[in-house]
Amino acid sequence: MQGIEKKLSELNGVLTYVLTMDEIKGEGAMNKLAQDAQLDGMIIIEGIDPNVYEFIKQSVPAVVGIDISDSTVPVILYDRVAAAKSAVQHLIERGHRRIGFIGGAGLTGDLEREKRYRGYRYAMEEAGLDMDPRLVLNTGWDVNNSYTLMYELLSLPDHERPTAMFAASDMMAISAMRAAAEHGLQVPQDVAFVGLDNIEVSQYTSPPLSTVHIPKEEIGMMAAKVLIDQIEGKNPLPFKLFVPYQLMLRQSSDYFRE
């Protein structure tokens, strides 16, 4: 949001609405959007209901997506599969073989189709490592579930427990690290953690959380710039613009396992 507002302000644009999926799901909200008919453009962020998205495309002249799957509009995104894969490869390089996953499914409800899970799976398969289904925690993106399921997982016998976990978001990782601490385990010596997002608090956890940095402000600024260009007719063809990610190594995973 900060990047979107910043760039729109620089380009003399005005952010008129900020709507969550819960707010726009209702028929009244969608009708109001259509009746106002004063929106020149809209930035759509991943996770939107397909029916709502189609309605918006028909009602708003210019649309730009952030992390959405649509080949008919400009999209700003990062490679989620590759970002997750890099985090798991880091853990493999540190000597881990029993590596788990913490995350959730997308709109499809199918974890196998979730890009960060696919990155985890590809890294494990390429390294020839077995994937124990007990180490895959589908939390539904709920931090409380992450804590609870991780606590239960760490109750397994020592040889059945994971030695490392990749979490598809930093918040999932942080709550899971709490479960490890309550089991009296040392991070990263007993179990290592890597998250994804690089939220500000991740550098202040104990120990600091390794994570994958996603340049969210820059993504927002790019999306705003592309939207203004769309409104002004400067982008006749849709395109995808990938932004780079960066693995941030901190103490939660910086340990070589023999």
C-alpha atoms as a PDB file:
ATOM      1  CA  MET A   1       0.000   0.000   0.000  1.00  0.00           C
ATOM      2  CA  GLN A   2       2.758   2.442   0.922  1.00  0.00           C
ATOM      3  CA  GLY A   3       4.456   2.026  -2.455  1.00  0.00           C
ATOM      4  CA  ILE A   4       1.186   2.447  -4.354  1.00  0.00           C
ATOM      5  CA  GLU A   5       0.228   5.636  -2.511  1.00  0.00           C
ATOM      6  CA  LYS A   6       3.735   7.079  -2.802  1.00  0.00           C
ATOM      7  CA  LYS A   7       4.000   6.610  -6.561  1.00  0.00           C
ATOM      8  CA  LEU A   8       0.418   7.745  -7.262  1.00  0.00           C
ATOM      9  CA  SER A   9       1.116  10.936  -5.311  1.00  0.00           C
ATOM     10  CA  GLU A  10       4.275  11.547  -7.366  1.00  0.00           C
ATOM     11  CA  LEU A  11       2.282  11.091 -10.578  1.00  0.00           C
ATOM     12  CA  ASN A  12      -0.626  13.287  -9.427  1.00  0.00           C
ATOM     13  CA  GLY A  13      -2.916  10.299  -9.059  1.00  0.00           C
ATOM     14  CA  VAL A  14      -5.434   9.873  -6.245  1.00  0.00           C
ATOM     15  CA  LEU A  15      -6.083   6.650  -4.329  1.00  0.00           C
ATOM     16  CA  THR A  16      -9.881   6.680  -4.048  1.00  0.00           C
ATOM     17  CA  TYR A  17     -10.781   3.243  -2.684  1.00  0.00           C
ATOM     18  CA  VAL A  18      -9.038   0.561  -0.649  1.00  0.00           C
ATOM     19  CA  LEU A  19     -11.309  -2.473  -0.620  1.00  0.00           C
ATOM     20  CA  THR A  20     -10.715  -5.894   0.932  1.00  0.00           C
ATOM     21  CA  MET A  21     -12.294  -9.039  -0.483  1.00  0.00           C
ATOM     22  CA  ASP A  22     -14.773  -9.125   2.415  1.00  0.00           C
ATOM     23  CA  GLU A  23     -15.880  -5.584   1.580  1.00  0.00           C
ATOM     24  CA  ILE A  24     -16.272  -6.147  -2.139  1.00  0.00           C
ATOM     25  CA  LYS A  25     -17.872  -9.592  -2.037  1.00  0.00           C
ATOM     26  CA  GLY A  26     -21.331  -8.199  -1.382  1.00  0.00           C
ATOM     27  CA  GLU A  27     -23.570  -7.278  -4.293  1.00  0.00           C
ATOM     28  CA  GLY A  28     -24.102  -3.800  -2.851  1.00  0.00           C
ATOM     29  CA  ALA A  29     -20.399  -2.998  -2.896  1.00  0.00           C
ATOM     30  CA  MET A  30     -20.031  -4.173  -6.470  1.00  0.00           C
ATOM     31  CA  ASN A  31     -23.046  -2.153  -7.611  1.00  0.00           C
ATOM     32  CA  LYS A  32     -21.730   0.938  -5.833  1.00  0.00           C
ATOM     33  CA  LEU A  33     -18.422   0.499  -7.633  1.00  0.00           C
ATOM     34  CA  ALA A  34     -20.248   0.377 -10.955  1.00  0.00           C
ATOM     35  CA  GLN A  35     -22.600   3.271 -10.189  1.00  0.00           C
ATOM     36  CA  ASP A  36     -19.827   5.610  -9.101  1.00  0.00           C
ATOM     37  CA  ALA A  37     -18.202   5.040 -12.508  1.00  0.00           C
ATOM     38  CA  GLN A  38     -15.491   7.557 -11.710  1.00  0.00           C
ATOM     39  CA  LEU A  39     -12.597   5.151 -11.358  1.00  0.00           C
ATOM     40  CA  ASP A  40     -10.025   5.501 -14.102  1.00  0.00           C
ATOM     41  CA  GLY A  41      -8.139   2.415 -13.015  1.00  0.00           C
ATOM     42  CA  MET A  42      -7.690  -0.210 -10.341  1.00  0.00           C
ATOM     43  CA  ILE A  43      -4.819  -2.268  -8.931  1.00  0.00           C
ATOM     44  CA  ILE A  44      -5.856  -5.833  -8.101  1.00  0.00           C
ATOM     45  CA  ILE A  45      -3.856  -7.877  -5.602  1.00  0.00           C
ATOM     46  CA  GLU A  46      -3.811 -11.695  -5.611  1.00  0.00           C
ATOM     47  CA  GLY A  47      -6.541 -13.688  -3.924  1.00  0.00           C
ATOM     48  CA  ILE A  48      -9.544 -12.024  -5.545  1.00  0.00           C
ATOM     49  CA  ASP A  49     -12.673 -14.032  -6.347  1.00  0.00           C
ATOM     50  CA  PRO A  50     -12.823 -14.750 -10.112  1.00  0.00           C
ATOM     51  CA  ASN A  51     -16.404 -13.469 -10.463  1.00  0.00           C
ATOM     52  CA  VAL A  52     -15.578 -10.216  -8.682  1.00  0.00           C
ATOM     53  CA  TYR A  53     -12.459  -9.829 -10.803  1.00  0.00           C
ATOM     54  CA  GLU A  54     -14.391 -10.230 -14.065  1.00  0.00           C
ATOM     55  CA  PHE A  55     -16.945  -7.674 -12.887  1.00  0.00           C
ATOM     56  CA  ILE A  56     -14.162  -5.184 -12.139  1.00  0.00           C
ATOM     57  CA  LYS A  57     -12.532  -5.732 -15.545  1.00  0.00           C
ATOM     58  CA  GLN A  58     -15.833  -4.937 -17.217  1.00  0.00           C
ATOM     59  CA  SER A  59     -16.474  -1.886 -15.050  1.00  0.00           C
ATOM     60  CA  VAL A  60     -13.060  -0.192 -14.774  1.00  0.00           C
ATOM     61  CA  PRO A  61     -11.175   1.091 -17.854  1.00  0.00           C
ATOM     62  CA  ALA A  62      -7.621   0.211 -16.724  1.00  0.00           C
ATOM     63  CA  VAL A  63      -6.599  -2.732 -14.537  1.00  0.00           C
ATOM     64  CA  VAL A  64      -3.132  -3.734 -13.296  1.00  0.00           C
ATOM     65  CA  GLY A  65      -2.492  -6.889 -11.272  1.00  0.00           C
ATOM     66  CA  ILE A  66      -0.086  -7.730  -8.485  1.00  0.00           C
ATOM     67  CA  ASP A  67       0.650 -11.471  -8.307  1.00  0.00           C
ATOM     68  CA  ILE A  68      -2.447 -12.470 -10.281  1.00  0.00           C
ATOM     69  CA  SER A  69      -2.756 -14.973 -13.121  1.00  0.00           C
ATOM     70  CA  ASP A  70      -4.163 -13.067 -16.087  1.00  0.00           C
ATOM     71  CA  SER A  71      -2.452 -12.749 -19.448  1.00  0.00           C
ATOM     72  CA  THR A  72      -4.791  -9.948 -20.589  1.00  0.00           C
ATOM     73  CA  VAL A  73      -3.575  -7.223 -18.185  1.00  0.00           C
ATOM     74  CA  PRO A  74      -0.167  -5.942 -17.012  1.00  0.00           C
ATOM     75  CA  VAL A  75       0.998  -7.877 -13.945  1.00  0.00           C
ATOM     76  CA  ILE A  76       3.764  -7.078 -11.435  1.00  0.00           C
ATOM     77  CA  LEU A  77       4.985 -10.105  -9.520  1.00  0.00           C
ATOM     78  CA  TYR A  78       7.884 -12.069  -8.109  1.00  0.00           C
ATOM     79  CA  ASP A  79       8.635 -15.730  -8.798  1.00  0.00           C
ATOM     80  CA  ARG A  80       7.065 -17.386  -5.765  1.00  0.00           C
ATOM     81  CA  VAL A  81       8.121 -20.872  -6.794  1.00  0.00           C
ATOM     82  CA  ALA A  82      11.775 -19.867  -7.212  1.00  0.00           C
ATOM     83  CA  ALA A  83      11.784 -17.800  -4.001  1.00  0.00           C
ATOM     84  CA  ALA A  84      10.496 -20.718  -1.928  1.00  0.00           C
ATOM     85  CA  LYS A  85      12.836 -23.119  -3.693  1.00  0.00           C
ATOM     86  CA  SER A  86      15.855 -20.934  -2.821  1.00  0.00           C
ATOM     87  CA  ALA A  87      14.924 -21.009   0.868  1.00  0.00           C
ATOM     88  CA  VAL A  88      14.635 -24.800   0.935  1.00  0.00           C
ATOM     89  CA  GLN A  89      17.855 -25.235  -1.060  1.00  0.00           C
ATOM     90  CA  HIS A  90      19.608 -23.132   1.590  1.00  0.00           C
ATOM     91  CA  LEU A  91      18.403 -25.558   4.277  1.00  0.00           C
ATOM     92  CA  ILE A  92      19.530 -28.538   2.200  1.00  0.00           C
ATOM     93  CA  GLU A  93      22.970 -26.937   1.785  1.00  0.00           C
ATOM     94  CA  ARG A  94      23.133 -26.624   5.571  1.00  0.00           C
ATOM     95  CA  GLY A  95      22.829 -30.418   5.820  1.00  0.00           C
ATOM     96  CA  HIS A  96      19.109 -30.801   6.541  1.00  0.00           C
ATOM     97  CA  ARG A  97      17.239 -33.788   5.149  1.00  0.00           C
ATOM     98  CA  ARG A  98      13.979 -33.818   7.123  1.00  0.00           C
ATOM     99  CA  ILE A  99      12.560 -30.453   6.069  1.00  0.00           C
ATOM    100  CA  GLY A 100       8.947 -29.464   6.616  1.00  0.00           C
ATOM    101  CA  PHE A 101       6.600 -26.877   5.154  1.00  0.00           C
ATOM    102  CA  ILE A 102       4.257 -24.396   6.866  1.00  0.00           C
ATOM    103  CA  GLY A 103       1.653 -22.547   4.835  1.00  0.00           C
ATOM    104  CA  GLY A 104      -1.777 -22.864   3.305  1.00  0.00           C
ATOM    105  CA  ALA A 105      -3.715 -23.309   0.090  1.00  0.00           C
ATOM    106  CA  GLY A 106      -4.837 -20.501  -2.184  1.00  0.00           C
ATOM    107  CA  LEU A 107      -8.317 -19.825  -3.566  1.00  0.00           C
ATOM    108  CA  THR A 108      -8.400 -23.262  -5.180  1.00  0.00           C
ATOM    109  CA  GLY A 109      -8.180 -24.933  -1.778  1.00  0.00           C
ATOM    110  CA  ASP A 110      -5.521 -27.269  -3.207  1.00  0.00           C
ATOM    111  CA  LEU A 111      -2.168 -27.045  -1.435  1.00  0.00           C
ATOM    112  CA  GLU A 112      -0.460 -28.836  -4.342  1.00  0.00           C
ATOM    113  CA  ARG A 113      -1.203 -25.828  -6.570  1.00  0.00           C
ATOM    114  CA  GLU A 114       0.126 -23.226  -4.116  1.00  0.00           C
ATOM    115  CA  LYS A 115       3.311 -21.763  -5.618  1.00  0.00           C
ATOM    116  CA  ARG A 116       5.384 -21.588  -2.433  1.00  0.00           C
ATOM    117  CA  TYR A 117       4.532 -25.195  -1.622  1.00  0.00           C
ATOM    118  CA  ARG A 118       5.516 -26.166  -5.150  1.00  0.00           C
ATOM    119  CA  GLY A 119       8.884 -24.441  -4.660  1.00  0.00           C
ATOM    120  CA  TYR A 120       9.394 -26.459  -1.478  1.00  0.00           C
ATOM    121  CA  ARG A 121       8.434 -29.690  -3.249  1.00  0.00           C
ATOM    122  CA  TYR A 122      10.650 -29.022  -6.282  1.00  0.00           C
ATOM    123  CA  ALA A 123      13.688 -28.356  -4.073  1.00  0.00           C
ATOM    124  CA  MET A 124      13.116 -31.584  -2.134  1.00  0.00           C
ATOM    125  CA  GLU A 125      12.583 -33.646  -5.296  1.00  0.00           C
ATOM    126  CA  GLU A 126      15.646 -32.238  -7.050  1.00  0.00           C
ATOM    127  CA  ALA A 127      17.764 -33.105  -4.015  1.00  0.00           C
ATOM    128  CA  GLY A 128      16.359 -36.645  -3.980  1.00  0.00           C
ATOM    129  CA  LEU A 129      14.882 -36.171  -0.510  1.00  0.00           C
ATOM    130  CA  ASP A 130      11.784 -37.946   0.753  1.00  0.00           C
ATOM    131  CA  MET A 131       8.833 -35.774   1.737  1.00  0.00           C
ATOM    132  CA  ASP A 132       7.138 -36.962   4.923  1.00  0.00           C
ATOM    133  CA  PRO A 133       3.497 -35.782   4.720  1.00  0.00           C
ATOM    134  CA  ARG A 134       3.465 -35.359   8.491  1.00  0.00           C
ATOM    135  CA  LEU A 135       5.951 -32.493   8.076  1.00  0.00           C
ATOM    136  CA  VAL A 136       3.619 -30.529   5.773  1.00  0.00           C
ATOM    137  CA  LEU A 137       1.502 -28.215   7.922  1.00  0.00           C
ATOM    138  CA  ASN A 138      -1.519 -26.718   6.171  1.00  0.00           C
ATOM    139  CA  THR A 139      -2.359 -23.924   8.578  1.00  0.00           C
ATOM    140  CA  GLY A 140      -4.913 -22.118   6.435  1.00  0.00           C
ATOM    141  CA  TRP A 141      -2.651 -19.055   6.850  1.00  0.00           C
ATOM    142  CA  ASP A 142      -3.607 -18.836  10.537  1.00  0.00           C
ATOM    143  CA  VAL A 143      -0.715 -18.064  12.925  1.00  0.00           C
ATOM    144  CA  ASN A 144      -2.490 -19.841  15.773  1.00  0.00           C
ATOM    145  CA  ASN A 145      -2.739 -22.992  13.674  1.00  0.00           C
ATOM    146  CA  SER A 146       0.940 -22.653  12.818  1.00  0.00           C
ATOM    147  CA  TYR A 147       1.829 -22.646  16.506  1.00  0.00           C
ATOM    148  CA  THR A 148      -0.530 -25.509  17.391  1.00  0.00           C
ATOM    149  CA  LEU A 149       0.421 -27.789  14.511  1.00  0.00           C
ATOM    150  CA  MET A 150       4.137 -27.128  15.014  1.00  0.00           C
ATOM    151  CA  TYR A 151       3.841 -27.914  18.718  1.00  0.00           C
ATOM    152  CA  GLU A 152       2.126 -31.218  17.868  1.00  0.00           C
ATOM    153  CA  LEU A 153       4.721 -32.034  15.209  1.00  0.00           C
ATOM    154  CA  LEU A 154       7.586 -31.501  17.633  1.00  0.00           C
ATOM    155  CA  SER A 155       5.980 -34.021  20.007  1.00  0.00           C
ATOM    156  CA  LEU A 156       7.069 -36.800  17.653  1.00  0.00           C
ATOM    157  CA  PRO A 157      10.080 -38.956  18.640  1.00  0.00           C
ATOM    158  CA  ASP A 158      13.426 -37.287  17.939  1.00  0.00           C
ATOM    159  CA  HIS A 159      14.211 -39.315  14.802  1.00  0.00           C
ATOM    160  CA  GLU A 160      10.805 -38.508  13.287  1.00  0.00           C
ATOM    161  CA  ARG A 161      10.857 -34.775  13.898  1.00  0.00           C
ATOM    162  CA  PRO A 162      11.945 -32.268  11.246  1.00  0.00           C
ATOM    163  CA  THR A 163      15.355 -30.657  11.607  1.00  0.00           C
ATOM    164  CA  ALA A 164      14.229 -27.620   9.586  1.00  0.00           C
ATOM    165  CA  MET A 165      11.028 -25.866   8.497  1.00  0.00           C
ATOM    166  CA  PHE A 166      10.311 -23.556   5.596  1.00  0.00           C
ATOM    167  CA  ALA A 167       7.367 -21.252   6.280  1.00  0.00           C
ATOM    168  CA  ALA A 168       5.600 -19.552   3.384  1.00  0.00           C
ATOM    169  CA  SER A 169       5.259 -16.382   5.459  1.00  0.00           C
ATOM    170  CA  ASP A 170       7.290 -14.865   8.277  1.00  0.00           C
ATOM    171  CA  MET A 171       4.295 -14.784  10.628  1.00  0.00           C
ATOM    172  CA  MET A 172       3.853 -18.544  10.210  1.00  0.00           C
ATOM    173  CA  ALA A 173       7.547 -19.032  10.977  1.00  0.00           C
ATOM    174  CA  ILE A 174       7.512 -16.806  14.058  1.00  0.00           C
ATOM    175  CA  SER A 175       4.612 -18.626  15.713  1.00  0.00           C
ATOM    176  CA  ALA A 176       6.191 -21.991  14.854  1.00  0.00           C
ATOM    177  CA  MET A 177       9.487 -20.865  16.435  1.00  0.00           C
ATOM    178  CA  ARG A 178       7.535 -20.142  19.611  1.00  0.00           C
ATOM    179  CA  ALA A 179       6.352 -23.763  19.636  1.00  0.00           C
ATOM    180  CA  ALA A 180       9.948 -24.958  19.287  1.00  0.00           C
ATOM    181  CA  ALA A 181      11.042 -22.773  22.203  1.00  0.00           C
ATOM    182  CA  GLU A 182       8.255 -24.143  24.386  1.00  0.00           C
ATOM    183  CA  HIS A 183       9.509 -27.660  23.623  1.00  0.00           C
ATOM    184  CA  GLY A 184      12.901 -26.582  24.953  1.00  0.00           C
ATOM    185  CA  LEU A 185      14.522 -26.897  21.527  1.00  0.00           C
ATOM    186  CA  GLN A 186      17.333 -24.680  20.304  1.00  0.00           C
ATOM    187  CA  VAL A 187      16.979 -22.758  17.042  1.00  0.00           C
ATOM    188  CA  PRO A 188      18.787 -23.496  14.744  1.00  0.00           C
ATOM    189  CA  GLN A 189      20.752 -26.329  16.382  1.00  0.00           C
ATOM    190  CA  ASP A 190      17.729 -28.577  16.975  1.00  0.00           C
ATOM    191  CA  VAL A 191      15.385 -27.160  14.357  1.00  0.00           C
ATOM    192  CA  ALA A 192      16.060 -24.384  11.838  1.00  0.00           C
ATOM    193  CA  PHE A 193      13.523 -21.982  10.352  1.00  0.00           C
ATOM    194  CA  VAL A 194      13.315 -19.888   7.188  1.00  0.00           C
ATOM    195  CA  GLY A 195      10.356 -17.612   6.421  1.00  0.00           C
ATOM    196  CA  LEU A 196       9.278 -15.533   3.470  1.00  0.00           C
ATOM    197  CA  ASP A 197       8.351 -11.805   3.244  1.00  0.00           C
ATOM    198  CA  ASN A 198      11.069 -10.169   5.382  1.00  0.00           C
ATOM    199  CA  ILE A 199       8.582  -8.294   7.524  1.00  0.00           C
ATOM    200  CA  GLU A 200      10.200  -5.743   9.804  1.00  0.00           C
ATOM    201  CA  VAL A 201       9.828  -7.771  12.995  1.00  0.00           C
ATOM    202  CA  SER A 202      11.639 -10.791  11.495  1.00  0.00           C
ATOM    203  CA  GLN A 203      15.048  -9.277  12.275  1.00  0.00           C
ATOM    204  CA  TYR A 204      14.087  -8.863  15.942  1.00  0.00           C
ATOM    205  CA  THR A 205      12.904 -12.394  16.747  1.00  0.00           C
ATOM    206  CA  SER A 206      15.043 -14.590  18.981  1.00  0.00           C
ATOM    207  CA  PRO A 207      17.042 -15.714  17.136  1.00  0.00           C
ATOM    208  CA  PRO A 208      16.599 -13.380  14.136  1.00  0.00           C
ATOM    209  CA  LEU A 209      14.623 -15.114  11.386  1.00  0.00           C
ATOM    210  CA  SER A 210      16.172 -16.049   8.054  1.00  0.00           C
ATOM    211  CA  THR A 211      13.741 -15.099   5.322  1.00  0.00           C
ATOM    212  CA  VAL A 212      13.281 -14.229   1.664  1.00  0.00           C
ATOM    213  CA  HIS A 213      13.009 -10.491   1.085  1.00  0.00           C
ATOM    214  CA  ILE A 214      10.171  -9.470  -1.212  1.00  0.00           C
ATOM    215  CA  PRO A 215      10.378  -5.784  -2.292  1.00  0.00           C
ATOM    216  CA  LYS A 216       6.716  -5.029  -1.624  1.00  0.00           C
ATOM    217  CA  GLU A 217       7.061  -1.243  -1.658  1.00  0.00           C
ATOM    218  CA  GLU A 218       8.822  -1.373  -5.024  1.00  0.00           C
ATOM    219  CA  ILE A 219       6.143  -3.715  -6.367  1.00  0.00           C
ATOM    220  CA  GLY A 220       3.478  -1.241  -5.287  1.00  0.00           C
ATOM    221  CA  MET A 221       5.327   1.674  -6.874  1.00  0.00           C
ATOM    222  CA  MET A 222       5.749  -0.206 -10.146  1.00  0.00           C
ATOM    223  CA  ALA A 223       2.081  -1.168 -10.186  1.00  0.00           C
ATOM    224  CA  ALA A 224       1.044   2.452  -9.654  1.00  0.00           C
ATOM    225  CA  LYS A 225       3.334   3.667 -12.436  1.00  0.00           C
ATOM    226  CA  VAL A 226       2.055   1.015 -14.851  1.00  0.00           C
ATOM    227  CA  LEU A 227      -1.550   1.883 -13.955  1.00  0.00           C
ATOM    228  CA  ILE A 228      -1.029   5.554 -14.773  1.00  0.00           C
ATOM    229  CA  ASP A 229       0.620   4.510 -18.045  1.00  0.00           C
ATOM    230  CA  GLN A 230      -2.379   2.311 -18.794  1.00  0.00           C
ATOM    231  CA  ILE A 231      -4.784   5.151 -18.145  1.00  0.00           C
ATOM    232  CA  GLU A 232      -2.751   7.373 -20.463  1.00  0.00           C
ATOM    233  CA  GLY A 233      -2.687   4.715 -23.178  1.00  0.00           C
ATOM    234  CA  LYS A 234       1.074   4.076 -23.024  1.00  0.00           C
ATOM    235  CA  ASN A 235       0.920   0.274 -22.687  1.00  0.00           C
ATOM    236  CA  PRO A 236      -0.977  -1.114 -25.670  1.00  0.00           C
ATOM    237  CA  LEU A 237      -0.072  -4.737 -24.838  1.00  0.00           C
ATOM    238  CA  PRO A 238      -0.250  -6.647 -21.525  1.00  0.00           C
ATOM    239  CA  PHE A 239       3.000  -7.863 -19.978  1.00  0.00           C
ATOM    240  CA  LYS A 240       4.475  -9.495 -16.882  1.00  0.00           C
ATOM    241  CA  LEU A 241       7.174  -7.703 -14.901  1.00  0.00           C
ATOM    242  CA  PHE A 242       9.115  -9.881 -12.453  1.00  0.00           C
ATOM    243  CA  VAL A 243      10.884  -8.191  -9.532  1.00  0.00           C
ATOM    244  CA  PRO A 244      13.873  -9.819  -7.816  1.00  0.00           C
ATOM    245  CA  TYR A 245      13.780 -11.464  -4.397  1.00  0.00           C
ATOM    246  CA  GLN A 246      16.706 -11.928  -1.990  1.00  0.00           C
ATOM    247  CA  LEU A 247      17.485 -14.636   0.548  1.00  0.00           C
ATOM    248  CA  MET A 248      18.304 -12.978   3.880  1.00  0.00           C
ATOM    249  CA  LEU A 249      20.392 -15.312   6.053  1.00  0.00           C
ATOM    250  CA  ARG A 250      20.114 -14.794   9.796  1.00  0.00           C
ATOM    251  CA  GLN A 251      20.705 -16.916  12.888  1.00  0.00           C
ATOM    252  CA  SER A 252      17.534 -19.028  12.703  1.00  0.00           C
ATOM    253  CA  SER A 253      19.070 -21.162   9.936  1.00  0.00           C
ATOM    254  CA  ASP A 254      22.777 -20.311   9.968  1.00  0.00           C
ATOM    255  CA  TYR A 255      24.006 -23.640  11.282  1.00  0.00           C
ATOM    256  CA  PHE A 256      25.678 -26.518   9.446  1.00  0.00           C
ATOM    257  CA  ARG A 257      24.145 -29.838  10.432  1.00  0.00           C
ATOM    258  CA  GLU A 258      26.419 -32.859  10.324  1.00  0.00           C
END
